[in-house]
Amino acid sequence: MTGIQTKTGLYSALTFDSEWMMISVLPFIWLYNGQRGKKSWITQYFFYIIYPAHLWILMILRYLFIKYEL
């Protein structure tokens, strides 16, 4: 009887099976004390600025890598 064979190498584990990465959030969960952090303009709008900015940076890097074949 032949079954479906799956590749269980390191590459496959790191790219297709990402459930193991939940371990990385455990320290943050353990450090949480149930209270909200300080609220200021910087903390309130930080991710509204940083998230689109990092996408633009990645897009520019991709463009440069493709154009100049780096």
N, C-alpha and C. Protein backbone atom coordinates (compact mmCIF):
# COMPACT_ATOMS: atom_id res chain seq x y z
N MET A 1 0.84 -1.18 0.00
CA MET A 1 0.00 0.00 0.00
C MET A 1 0.89 1.24 0.00
N THR A 2 0.63 2.12 -0.93
CA THR A 2 1.42 3.34 -1.00
C THR A 2 0.63 4.49 -0.39
N GLY A 3 1.32 5.29 0.35
CA GLY A 3 0.68 6.44 0.98
C GLY A 3 1.34 7.72 0.52
N ILE A 4 0.86 8.79 1.02
CA ILE A 4 1.43 10.08 0.68
C ILE A 4 2.71 10.26 1.50
N GLN A 5 3.79 10.53 0.82
CA GLN A 5 5.06 10.73 1.49
C GLN A 5 5.27 12.23 1.69
N THR A 6 5.65 12.59 2.88
CA THR A 6 5.91 13.99 3.16
C THR A 6 7.38 14.17 3.49
N LYS A 7 7.90 15.31 3.09
CA LYS A 7 9.29 15.63 3.37
C LYS A 7 9.35 16.25 4.77
N THR A 8 10.14 15.69 5.64
CA THR A 8 10.19 16.17 7.02
C THR A 8 11.56 16.72 7.37
N GLY A 9 12.19 17.37 6.41
CA GLY A 9 13.50 17.96 6.65
C GLY A 9 13.40 19.29 7.36
N LEU A 10 14.54 19.89 7.64
CA LEU A 10 14.60 21.17 8.34
C LEU A 10 13.93 22.27 7.53
N TYR A 11 14.19 22.32 6.23
CA TYR A 11 13.58 23.33 5.38
C TYR A 11 12.06 23.25 5.44
N SER A 12 11.54 22.06 5.33
CA SER A 12 10.09 21.86 5.37
C SER A 12 9.52 22.25 6.73
N ALA A 13 10.22 21.91 7.78
CA ALA A 13 9.74 22.24 9.13
C ALA A 13 9.73 23.74 9.37
N LEU A 14 10.73 24.45 8.85
CA LEU A 14 10.82 25.89 9.09
C LEU A 14 9.91 26.70 8.18
N THR A 15 9.57 26.18 7.01
CA THR A 15 8.79 26.98 6.07
C THR A 15 7.32 26.61 6.02
N PHE A 16 6.99 25.37 6.20
CA PHE A 16 5.60 24.95 6.04
C PHE A 16 4.91 24.63 7.35
N ASP A 17 5.64 24.31 8.37
CA ASP A 17 5.05 23.98 9.66
C ASP A 17 5.46 25.06 10.66
N SER A 18 4.69 26.14 10.72
CA SER A 18 5.09 27.29 11.54
C SER A 18 4.48 27.27 12.94
N GLU A 19 3.80 26.22 13.32
CA GLU A 19 3.19 26.17 14.65
C GLU A 19 4.23 26.15 15.76
N TRP A 20 5.42 25.66 15.48
CA TRP A 20 6.46 25.60 16.50
C TRP A 20 6.92 26.99 16.91
N MET A 21 6.65 28.00 16.08
CA MET A 21 7.10 29.36 16.38
C MET A 21 6.30 30.01 17.50
N MET A 22 5.18 29.41 17.91
CA MET A 22 4.41 29.97 19.01
C MET A 22 5.20 29.98 20.31
N ILE A 23 6.24 29.22 20.40
CA ILE A 23 7.09 29.20 21.59
C ILE A 23 7.72 30.57 21.81
N SER A 24 7.98 31.31 20.74
CA SER A 24 8.65 32.61 20.86
C SER A 24 7.81 33.66 21.57
N VAL A 25 6.50 33.48 21.69
CA VAL A 25 5.66 34.47 22.37
C VAL A 25 5.46 34.16 23.85
N LEU A 26 5.87 33.00 24.29
CA LEU A 26 5.68 32.62 25.69
C LEU A 26 6.30 33.59 26.69
N PRO A 27 7.52 34.09 26.48
CA PRO A 27 8.06 35.06 27.45
C PRO A 27 7.19 36.31 27.58
N PHE A 28 6.61 36.78 26.48
CA PHE A 28 5.75 37.96 26.55
C PHE A 28 4.46 37.67 27.29
N ILE A 29 3.93 36.48 27.11
CA ILE A 29 2.71 36.10 27.84
C ILE A 29 3.01 35.99 29.32
N TRP A 30 4.15 35.43 29.68
CA TRP A 30 4.52 35.29 31.10
C TRP A 30 4.81 36.63 31.75
N LEU A 31 5.31 37.60 30.99
CA LEU A 31 5.62 38.91 31.56
C LEU A 31 4.41 39.83 31.66
N TYR A 32 3.30 39.47 31.04
CA TYR A 32 2.11 40.32 31.06
C TYR A 32 1.51 40.34 32.45
N ASN A 33 1.25 41.54 33.00
CA ASN A 33 0.73 41.64 34.36
C ASN A 33 -0.75 42.04 34.40
N GLY A 34 -1.42 42.10 33.26
CA GLY A 34 -2.84 42.41 33.23
C GLY A 34 -3.16 43.89 33.16
N GLN A 35 -2.15 44.74 33.11
CA GLN A 35 -2.39 46.18 33.06
C GLN A 35 -1.97 46.72 31.69
N ARG A 36 -2.67 47.79 31.27
CA ARG A 36 -2.29 48.45 30.02
C ARG A 36 -1.01 49.23 30.21
N GLY A 37 -0.25 49.36 29.15
CA GLY A 37 0.98 50.13 29.20
C GLY A 37 0.70 51.62 29.13
N LYS A 38 1.76 52.39 29.16
CA LYS A 38 1.64 53.84 29.06
C LYS A 38 1.11 54.21 27.68
N LYS A 39 0.25 55.22 27.65
CA LYS A 39 -0.32 55.65 26.38
C LYS A 39 0.15 57.06 26.07
N SER A 40 0.90 57.18 25.00
CA SER A 40 1.34 58.47 24.54
C SER A 40 1.18 58.50 23.02
N TRP A 41 1.46 59.62 22.41
CA TRP A 41 1.33 59.73 20.97
C TRP A 41 2.24 58.73 20.27
N ILE A 42 3.43 58.57 20.80
CA ILE A 42 4.40 57.67 20.17
C ILE A 42 3.92 56.22 20.22
N THR A 43 3.47 55.78 21.37
CA THR A 43 3.02 54.40 21.48
C THR A 43 1.70 54.17 20.75
N GLN A 44 0.88 55.20 20.66
CA GLN A 44 -0.41 55.05 20.00
C GLN A 44 -0.27 54.93 18.49
N TYR A 45 0.60 55.71 17.88
CA TYR A 45 0.71 55.74 16.42
C TYR A 45 1.96 55.07 15.87
N PHE A 46 2.75 54.46 16.73
CA PHE A 46 4.00 53.84 16.31
C PHE A 46 3.78 52.83 15.18
N PHE A 47 2.87 51.89 15.37
CA PHE A 47 2.68 50.85 14.38
C PHE A 47 1.94 51.34 13.15
N TYR A 48 1.18 52.41 13.28
CA TYR A 48 0.53 52.99 12.10
C TYR A 48 1.57 53.58 11.15
N ILE A 49 2.72 53.95 11.67
CA ILE A 49 3.79 54.52 10.85
C ILE A 49 4.78 53.44 10.43
N ILE A 50 5.19 52.62 11.37
CA ILE A 50 6.23 51.62 11.11
C ILE A 50 5.78 50.53 10.15
N TYR A 51 4.54 50.05 10.29
CA TYR A 51 4.11 48.94 9.44
C TYR A 51 4.14 49.29 7.96
N PRO A 52 3.49 50.39 7.53
CA PRO A 52 3.59 50.73 6.10
C PRO A 52 5.02 51.06 5.67
N ALA A 53 5.79 51.68 6.56
CA ALA A 53 7.17 52.04 6.21
C ALA A 53 8.00 50.79 5.94
N HIS A 54 7.84 49.75 6.75
CA HIS A 54 8.65 48.55 6.52
C HIS A 54 8.21 47.84 5.24
N LEU A 55 6.94 47.94 4.88
CA LEU A 55 6.50 47.35 3.60
C LEU A 55 7.11 48.10 2.42
N TRP A 56 7.17 49.42 2.51
CA TRP A 56 7.81 50.21 1.46
C TRP A 56 9.29 49.86 1.34
N ILE A 57 9.96 49.71 2.47
CA ILE A 57 11.39 49.37 2.45
C ILE A 57 11.60 48.01 1.80
N LEU A 58 10.77 47.03 2.15
CA LEU A 58 10.89 45.71 1.54
C LEU A 58 10.62 45.76 0.04
N MET A 59 9.63 46.56 -0.37
CA MET A 59 9.33 46.68 -1.78
C MET A 59 10.49 47.32 -2.55
N ILE A 60 11.10 48.35 -1.98
CA ILE A 60 12.24 49.01 -2.61
C ILE A 60 13.43 48.05 -2.70
N LEU A 61 13.68 47.31 -1.64
CA LEU A 61 14.77 46.33 -1.68
C LEU A 61 14.53 45.27 -2.74
N ARG A 62 13.29 44.79 -2.84
CA ARG A 62 12.95 43.80 -3.86
C ARG A 62 13.21 44.37 -5.25
N TYR A 63 12.77 45.60 -5.47
CA TYR A 63 12.99 46.25 -6.76
C TYR A 63 14.48 46.35 -7.08
N LEU A 64 15.27 46.77 -6.10
CA LEU A 64 16.71 46.89 -6.32
C LEU A 64 17.37 45.55 -6.59
N PHE A 65 16.96 44.51 -5.86
CA PHE A 65 17.53 43.20 -6.08
C PHE A 65 17.19 42.65 -7.46
N ILE A 66 15.98 42.92 -7.92
CA ILE A 66 15.58 42.43 -9.25
C ILE A 66 16.26 43.27 -10.33
N LYS A 67 16.27 44.58 -10.19
CA LYS A 67 16.84 45.45 -11.21
C LYS A 67 18.34 45.25 -11.38
N TYR A 68 19.06 45.16 -10.28
CA TYR A 68 20.52 45.07 -10.33
C TYR A 68 21.03 43.64 -10.13
N GLU A 69 20.13 42.68 -10.06
CA GLU A 69 20.46 41.25 -9.92
C GLU A 69 21.44 41.01 -8.79
N LEU A 70 21.14 41.52 -7.64
CA LEU A 70 22.01 41.34 -6.48
C LEU A 70 21.80 40.00 -5.83
